[in-house]
Protein backbone atom coordinates (compact mmCIF):
# COMPACT_ATOMS: atom_id res chain seq x y z
CA UNK A 1 -35.97 63.26 -88.21
CA UNK A 2 -35.87 59.05 -88.60
CA UNK A 3 -32.66 57.60 -88.36
CA UNK A 4 -31.14 55.36 -91.30
CA UNK A 5 -31.39 52.14 -91.26
CA UNK A 6 -28.03 50.60 -92.19
CA UNK A 7 -28.65 47.59 -94.15
CA UNK A 8 -24.77 46.23 -94.30
CA UNK A 9 -24.96 45.28 -91.10
CA UNK A 10 -28.33 43.49 -91.46
CA UNK A 11 -28.01 42.21 -94.45
CA UNK A 12 -24.64 40.97 -92.30
CA UNK A 13 -26.87 39.15 -89.21
CA UNK A 14 -28.99 37.77 -91.83
CA UNK A 15 -26.93 35.45 -93.42
CA UNK A 16 -24.34 35.42 -90.01
CA UNK A 17 -28.22 33.86 -89.08
CA UNK A 18 -29.22 31.76 -92.15
CA UNK A 19 -25.62 29.96 -91.06
CA UNK A 20 -26.51 29.46 -88.18
CA UNK A 21 -29.23 27.66 -89.34
CA UNK A 22 -27.73 25.86 -91.59
CA UNK A 23 -24.86 24.33 -89.17
CA UNK A 24 -27.87 23.87 -87.14
CA UNK A 25 -29.83 21.01 -89.31
CA UNK A 26 -27.01 19.48 -90.04
CA UNK A 27 -26.04 18.59 -86.49
CA UNK A 28 -28.72 17.67 -85.85
CA UNK A 29 -29.66 14.75 -88.98
CA UNK A 30 -25.70 13.80 -88.14
CA UNK A 31 -28.31 13.16 -84.20
CA UNK A 32 -30.82 11.56 -85.86
CA UNK A 33 -28.88 9.53 -87.83
CA UNK A 34 -26.52 7.63 -84.65
CA UNK A 35 -30.38 7.91 -82.72
CA UNK A 36 -32.06 5.58 -84.51
CA UNK A 37 -28.63 3.23 -85.02
CA UNK A 38 -28.47 4.44 -89.29
CA UNK A 39 -24.41 4.86 -88.63
CA UNK A 40 -23.72 1.87 -88.86
CA UNK A 41 -24.84 1.68 -92.37
CA UNK A 42 -22.42 1.90 -95.13
CA UNK A 43 -23.06 4.56 -96.35
CA UNK A 44 -24.20 4.34 -99.48
CA UNK A 45 -26.77 1.85 -98.62
CA UNK A 46 -27.83 4.23 -96.02
CA UNK A 47 -28.10 7.95 -98.89
CA UNK A 48 -30.12 4.50 -101.64
CA UNK A 49 -32.30 4.46 -98.46
CA UNK A 50 -32.71 7.83 -98.26
CA UNK A 51 -33.00 8.36 -102.26
CA UNK A 52 -36.16 6.35 -102.30
CA UNK A 53 -37.49 7.89 -99.56
CA UNK A 54 -37.28 10.75 -101.44
CA UNK A 55 -38.87 8.76 -104.33
CA UNK A 56 -41.57 7.13 -102.62
CA UNK A 57 -44.90 8.35 -104.59
CA UNK A 58 -47.28 5.76 -102.07
CA UNK A 59 -48.98 7.21 -99.39
CA UNK A 60 -49.29 4.01 -97.57
CA UNK A 61 -45.92 3.69 -97.68
CA UNK A 62 -45.26 6.98 -96.67
CA UNK A 63 -48.11 6.91 -93.51
CA UNK A 64 -45.58 3.89 -92.29
CA UNK A 65 -43.11 5.24 -92.82
CA UNK A 66 -44.40 8.79 -91.03
CA UNK A 67 -46.00 6.84 -88.21
CA UNK A 68 -42.91 4.84 -87.52
CA UNK A 69 -40.60 8.20 -86.79
CA UNK A 70 -43.51 10.02 -84.91
CA UNK A 71 -43.30 6.73 -82.18
CA UNK A 72 -39.35 7.19 -82.49
CA UNK A 73 -39.24 10.77 -81.50
CA UNK A 74 -41.72 9.72 -79.21
CA UNK A 75 -40.56 7.34 -77.60
CA UNK A 76 -36.82 9.23 -77.39
CA UNK A 77 -38.58 12.06 -76.09
CA UNK A 78 -39.99 9.41 -73.28
CA UNK A 79 -36.77 7.83 -73.08
CA UNK A 80 -34.21 11.13 -72.42
CA UNK A 81 -37.51 12.91 -69.59
CA UNK A 82 -37.68 9.13 -67.32
CA UNK A 83 -32.99 9.68 -68.23
CA UNK A 84 -33.17 13.53 -66.53
CA UNK A 85 -36.32 13.26 -63.89
CA UNK A 86 -34.69 9.58 -62.30
CA UNK A 87 -37.20 8.56 -62.79
CA UNK A 88 -36.97 4.51 -60.67
CA UNK A 89 -39.74 2.97 -62.99
CA UNK A 90 -37.62 2.85 -66.08
CA UNK A 91 -35.00 -0.31 -67.04
CA UNK A 92 -33.01 -1.11 -63.02
CA UNK A 93 -29.74 -0.49 -63.32
CA UNK A 94 -28.73 -4.80 -62.97
CA UNK A 95 -30.70 -5.04 -65.97
CA UNK A 96 -28.32 -8.09 -68.21
CA UNK A 97 -30.38 -7.34 -71.04
CA UNK A 98 -28.01 -5.51 -73.07
CA UNK A 99 -25.58 -7.13 -74.02
CA UNK A 100 -23.04 -5.51 -75.75
CA UNK A 101 -22.11 -5.05 -79.66
CA UNK A 102 -19.02 -6.07 -79.59
CA UNK A 103 -19.75 -10.07 -79.45
CA UNK A 104 -17.42 -9.91 -76.13
CA UNK A 105 -17.30 -13.34 -74.74
CA UNK A 106 -16.66 -11.90 -71.29
CA UNK A 107 -20.19 -10.47 -71.27
CA UNK A 108 -22.27 -13.52 -71.54
């Protein structure tokens, strides 16, 4: 004889999984905004830019954006791999090419 299925517990497990996936997606979108530097934009500017991207119908523009996004992720994944490996080909420790964004006069 077959064991009866507990539909309530299966439904609860599915709902918990869906909630977890939604939370993960929200967290990743926030990380993306920060990683791209878009967190410095005013919230209404960022929302307007995203709405314009959603409404864009020009396939050439979308393709340019897609390629730029793909290049961003490739660069980010290479940078992360280099940091994790401790690759010596990265920027030297004494490289002063990155200036602080705060405008600190002592850094120049």
